[in-house]
N, C-alpha and C. Protein backbone atom coordinates (compact mmCIF):
# COMPACT_ATOMS: atom_id res chain seq x y z
N UNK A 1 0.87 -28.84 -23.81
CA UNK A 1 0.93 -27.70 -23.76
C UNK A 1 -0.41 -26.79 -23.09
N UNK A 2 -0.02 -26.32 -22.20
CA UNK A 2 -0.75 -25.30 -20.92
C UNK A 2 -2.19 -24.64 -21.77
N UNK A 3 -3.07 -24.68 -21.59
CA UNK A 3 -3.95 -24.27 -22.04
C UNK A 3 -4.14 -22.71 -21.31
N UNK A 4 -4.23 -21.45 -22.19
CA UNK A 4 -4.43 -20.02 -21.58
C UNK A 4 -5.29 -19.88 -20.41
N UNK A 5 -4.99 -19.04 -19.49
CA UNK A 5 -5.87 -18.90 -18.79
C UNK A 5 -7.07 -17.77 -19.23
N UNK A 6 -7.83 -18.08 -19.02
CA UNK A 6 -9.35 -17.77 -19.64
C UNK A 6 -10.60 -17.26 -18.43
N UNK A 7 -9.98 -17.24 -17.20
CA UNK A 7 -10.88 -17.07 -16.01
C UNK A 7 -11.03 -15.33 -16.30
N UNK A 8 -11.81 -14.81 -15.67
CA UNK A 8 -12.37 -13.30 -15.98
C UNK A 8 -11.20 -12.36 -15.27
N UNK A 9 -10.58 -11.23 -15.72
CA UNK A 9 -9.78 -10.59 -14.65
C UNK A 9 -10.51 -9.84 -14.00
N UNK A 10 -10.36 -9.83 -12.44
CA UNK A 10 -10.71 -8.60 -11.79
C UNK A 10 -9.93 -7.37 -11.60
N UNK A 11 -9.94 -6.67 -12.12
CA UNK A 11 -8.65 -5.54 -11.65
C UNK A 11 -9.43 -4.15 -11.02
N UNK A 12 -8.70 -3.17 -10.73
CA UNK A 12 -9.29 -2.10 -9.98
C UNK A 12 -10.35 -1.18 -10.68
N UNK A 13 -9.55 -1.33 -12.04
CA UNK A 13 -10.67 -0.55 -13.40
C UNK A 13 -11.54 -1.05 -13.64
N UNK A 14 -11.94 -2.70 -13.72
CA UNK A 14 -12.99 -3.08 -13.29
C UNK A 14 -13.90 -2.84 -12.40
N UNK A 15 -13.46 -3.12 -11.51
CA UNK A 15 -14.38 -2.60 -10.50
C UNK A 15 -15.27 -1.60 -10.32
N UNK A 16 -14.04 -0.38 -10.71
CA UNK A 16 -14.44 0.88 -10.56
C UNK A 16 -15.67 1.09 -11.60
N UNK A 17 -15.60 0.00 -12.84
CA UNK A 17 -16.75 0.02 -13.93
C UNK A 17 -17.60 -0.29 -13.22
N UNK A 18 -17.72 -1.76 -12.67
CA UNK A 18 -18.81 -2.42 -11.83
C UNK A 18 -19.74 -1.48 -11.26
N UNK A 19 -18.76 -0.78 -10.39
CA UNK A 19 -19.54 0.16 -9.69
C UNK A 19 -20.53 1.49 -10.37
N UNK A 20 -19.87 1.68 -11.29
CA UNK A 20 -20.31 2.97 -12.04
C UNK A 20 -21.60 2.50 -12.99
N UNK A 21 -21.76 1.66 -13.09
CA UNK A 21 -22.60 0.60 -14.25
C UNK A 21 -23.58 0.43 -13.38
N UNK A 22 -23.48 -0.27 -11.71
CA UNK A 22 -24.70 0.24 -10.94
C UNK A 22 -25.45 1.13 -10.55
N UNK A 23 -24.20 2.43 -10.69
CA UNK A 23 -24.53 3.64 -9.73
C UNK A 23 -24.27 3.45 -8.02
N UNK A 24 -23.55 2.29 -8.00
CA UNK A 24 -22.91 2.07 -6.54
C UNK A 24 -21.47 2.95 -6.37
N UNK A 25 -21.65 3.68 -5.06
CA UNK A 25 -20.37 4.32 -4.57
C UNK A 25 -19.67 3.11 -3.86
N UNK A 26 -18.62 3.26 -2.90
CA UNK A 26 -17.67 2.19 -2.85
C UNK A 26 -18.42 1.60 -1.53
N UNK A 27 -19.07 2.92 -0.82
CA UNK A 27 -19.71 2.18 0.43
C UNK A 27 -21.02 1.04 0.13
N UNK A 28 -21.55 1.58 -0.82
CA UNK A 28 -22.74 0.64 -1.37
C UNK A 28 -22.20 -0.72 -1.62
N UNK A 29 -20.83 -0.78 -2.63
CA UNK A 29 -20.12 -2.05 -2.88
C UNK A 29 -19.80 -2.62 -1.57
N UNK A 30 -19.49 -1.79 -0.44
CA UNK A 30 -19.05 -2.56 0.94
C UNK A 30 -20.20 -3.20 1.52
N UNK A 31 -21.63 -2.68 1.24
CA UNK A 31 -22.33 -3.18 2.47
C UNK A 31 -22.70 -4.48 1.21
N UNK A 32 -23.04 -4.42 -0.02
CA UNK A 32 -23.34 -5.28 -0.63
C UNK A 32 -22.44 -6.70 -0.51
N UNK A 33 -21.03 -6.54 -0.31
CA UNK A 33 -20.11 -7.75 -0.31
C UNK A 33 -19.73 -7.87 0.91
N UNK A 34 -19.93 -7.07 2.19
CA UNK A 34 -19.57 -7.16 3.43
C UNK A 34 -17.97 -6.98 3.44
N UNK A 35 -17.57 -6.37 2.50
CA UNK A 35 -15.51 -5.83 2.46
C UNK A 35 -15.95 -4.58 2.98
N UNK A 36 -14.68 -4.37 3.61
CA UNK A 36 -14.64 -2.52 4.22
C UNK A 36 -14.51 -1.70 3.16
N UNK A 37 -14.91 -0.48 3.16
CA UNK A 37 -14.94 0.30 2.34
C UNK A 37 -13.30 0.62 2.25
N UNK A 38 -12.67 0.65 2.78
CA UNK A 38 -11.14 1.36 3.04
C UNK A 38 -10.42 0.10 2.13
N UNK A 39 -10.79 -1.48 2.16
CA UNK A 39 -10.20 -2.40 1.36
C UNK A 39 -10.40 -2.18 0.01
N UNK A 40 -11.61 -1.92 -0.21
CA UNK A 40 -12.31 -1.46 -1.94
C UNK A 40 -11.49 0.10 -2.23
N UNK A 41 -11.25 0.65 -1.16
CA UNK A 41 -10.64 2.16 -1.75
C UNK A 41 -9.15 1.43 -2.11
N UNK A 42 -8.93 1.22 -1.26
CA UNK A 42 -7.22 1.02 -1.10
C UNK A 42 -6.89 -0.21 -2.79
N UNK A 43 -7.95 -1.12 -2.92
CA UNK A 43 -7.68 -2.06 -4.48
C UNK A 43 -8.11 -1.06 -5.48
N UNK A 44 -9.22 -0.39 -5.42
CA UNK A 44 -9.36 0.61 -6.51
C UNK A 44 -8.29 1.73 -6.59
N UNK A 45 -7.91 2.25 -5.60
CA UNK A 45 -6.69 3.03 -5.93
C UNK A 45 -5.15 2.38 -6.06
N UNK A 46 -5.23 1.10 -6.52
CA UNK A 46 -4.17 0.06 -6.27
C UNK A 46 -3.01 0.39 -5.43
N UNK A 47 -3.32 0.53 -4.15
CA UNK A 47 -2.14 0.86 -3.51
C UNK A 47 -2.04 -0.61 -2.61
N UNK A 48 -2.59 -1.59 -3.04
CA UNK A 48 -2.27 -2.95 -2.40
C UNK A 48 -3.37 -4.19 -3.87
N UNK A 49 -2.89 -5.44 -3.71
CA UNK A 49 -3.68 -6.50 -4.41
C UNK A 49 -4.86 -6.34 -3.46
N UNK A 50 -5.58 -7.59 -3.54
CA UNK A 50 -6.68 -8.31 -2.84
C UNK A 50 -6.57 -9.81 -2.64
N UNK A 51 -7.02 -10.42 -1.73
CA UNK A 51 -7.04 -11.87 -1.48
C UNK A 51 -7.78 -12.59 -2.29
N UNK A 52 -8.01 -13.78 -2.69
CA UNK A 52 -8.99 -14.75 -3.83
C UNK A 52 -10.17 -14.36 -3.33
N UNK A 53 -10.53 -14.49 -1.50
CA UNK A 53 -11.79 -14.62 -1.02
C UNK A 53 -12.38 -13.44 -0.90
N UNK A 54 -11.59 -12.70 -0.82
CA UNK A 54 -12.31 -10.79 -0.65
C UNK A 54 -12.66 -10.67 -2.05
N UNK A 55 -12.00 -10.85 -3.08
CA UNK A 55 -12.19 -11.10 -4.67
C UNK A 55 -13.42 -11.42 -5.00
N UNK A 56 -13.66 -12.50 -3.94
CA UNK A 56 -14.91 -13.79 -4.92
C UNK A 56 -16.28 -12.96 -3.77
N UNK A 57 -15.98 -12.24 -2.40
CA UNK A 57 -17.11 -11.63 -2.14
C UNK A 57 -17.15 -10.19 -2.77
N UNK A 58 -16.61 -9.88 -3.31
CA UNK A 58 -17.06 -8.12 -4.42
C UNK A 58 -17.83 -9.14 -5.37
N UNK A 59 -17.22 -10.01 -6.25
CA UNK A 59 -17.58 -10.91 -7.89
C UNK A 59 -19.25 -10.95 -7.24
N UNK A 60 -19.27 -11.85 -6.10
CA UNK A 60 -20.30 -12.66 -6.02
C UNK A 60 -21.74 -11.05 -5.51
N UNK A 61 -21.30 -9.74 -4.92
CA UNK A 61 -22.25 -8.72 -4.93
C UNK A 61 -22.55 -8.42 -6.51
N UNK A 62 -21.44 -8.10 -7.31
CA UNK A 62 -21.47 -7.42 -8.57
C UNK A 62 -22.68 -9.14 -9.33
N UNK A 63 -22.27 -10.15 -9.21
CA UNK A 63 -22.90 -10.99 -9.75
C UNK A 63 -24.43 -11.26 -9.52
N UNK A 64 -24.59 -10.77 -8.24
CA UNK A 64 -26.43 -10.64 -7.87
C UNK A 64 -26.89 -9.46 -7.86
N UNK A 65 -26.14 -8.72 -8.85
CA UNK A 65 -27.01 -7.34 -9.11
C UNK A 65 -26.69 -7.25 -10.78
N UNK A 66 -26.60 -9.02 -11.16
CA UNK A 66 -27.01 -8.50 -12.27
C UNK A 66 -25.49 -8.59 -13.65
N UNK A 67 -24.01 -8.11 -13.18
CA UNK A 67 -23.23 -8.34 -13.86
C UNK A 67 -22.70 -9.34 -13.68
N UNK A 68 -21.38 -9.50 -15.18
CA UNK A 68 -20.61 -10.71 -15.23
C UNK A 68 -19.24 -10.49 -15.54
N UNK A 69 -18.08 -11.05 -15.43
CA UNK A 69 -16.94 -10.57 -15.95
C UNK A 69 -16.44 -11.63 -16.42
N UNK A 70 -16.14 -10.79 -17.87
CA UNK A 70 -15.97 -11.67 -18.97
C UNK A 70 -14.09 -11.60 -19.27
N UNK A 71 -13.89 -12.24 -20.38
CA UNK A 71 -12.36 -12.76 -20.55
C UNK A 71 -12.58 -13.01 -22.32
N UNK A 72 -13.30 -12.40 -23.08
CA UNK A 72 -13.38 -12.66 -24.55
C UNK A 72 -12.33 -12.21 -25.04
N UNK A 73 -11.47 -13.65 -25.81
CA UNK A 73 -10.25 -13.21 -26.39
C UNK A 73 -9.33 -12.30 -25.55
N UNK A 74 -8.98 -12.60 -24.56
CA UNK A 74 -8.08 -12.34 -23.61
C UNK A 74 -8.41 -10.28 -23.37
N UNK A 75 -9.47 -10.04 -23.65
CA UNK A 75 -10.11 -8.87 -23.40
C UNK A 75 -10.75 -8.72 -22.32
N UNK A 76 -10.28 -8.47 -20.80
CA UNK A 76 -11.57 -8.26 -19.87
C UNK A 76 -12.13 -7.48 -19.70
N UNK A 77 -13.67 -7.53 -19.09
CA UNK A 77 -14.77 -6.61 -19.76
C UNK A 77 -15.62 -6.91 -18.50
N UNK A 78 -17.10 -6.41 -18.78
CA UNK A 78 -18.18 -6.74 -18.10
C UNK A 78 -19.67 -7.23 -19.18
N UNK A 79 -20.44 -7.84 -18.79
CA UNK A 79 -21.66 -7.68 -19.62
C UNK A 79 -22.71 -7.72 -18.09
N UNK A 80 -24.03 -7.23 -18.80
CA UNK A 80 -25.04 -7.34 -17.79
C UNK A 80 -26.02 -8.27 -18.33
N UNK A 81 -26.11 -9.08 -17.36
CA UNK A 81 -26.76 -10.56 -17.72
C UNK A 81 -28.20 -10.83 -16.99
N UNK A 82 -28.69 -9.74 -16.42
CA UNK A 82 -30.09 -9.62 -15.97
C UNK A 82 -30.36 -7.91 -15.71
N UNK A 83 -31.64 -7.96 -15.40
CA UNK A 83 -31.97 -6.55 -15.28
C UNK A 83 -31.86 -6.60 -13.72
N UNK A 84 -31.56 -7.34 -13.08
CA UNK A 84 -31.32 -7.01 -11.87
C UNK A 84 -30.37 -5.78 -10.88
N UNK A 85 -31.47 -5.27 -10.16
CA UNK A 85 -29.92 -4.00 -9.29
C UNK A 85 -30.39 -3.89 -8.20
N UNK A 86 -29.71 -3.26 -7.14
CA UNK A 86 -29.71 -3.26 -5.64
C UNK A 86 -29.80 -1.96 -5.54
């Protein structure tokens, strides 16, 4: 039997929440992640999905700022793992 997927989910809502927690604008996230603001805008506005490599760039930017994406008991969320801010 296959194990249930436990990788943290990266959704438009979690992206907005992470930015909000850090006080980042879409432009700030674009600068930290090297992903265009229009790609971030379209993803957060649910206009289209995101390539895995682009998602990885966004996650890395948030992780460098001290955030982690979680999937505890199938409930996606965020946690602050350090006091690092950008």
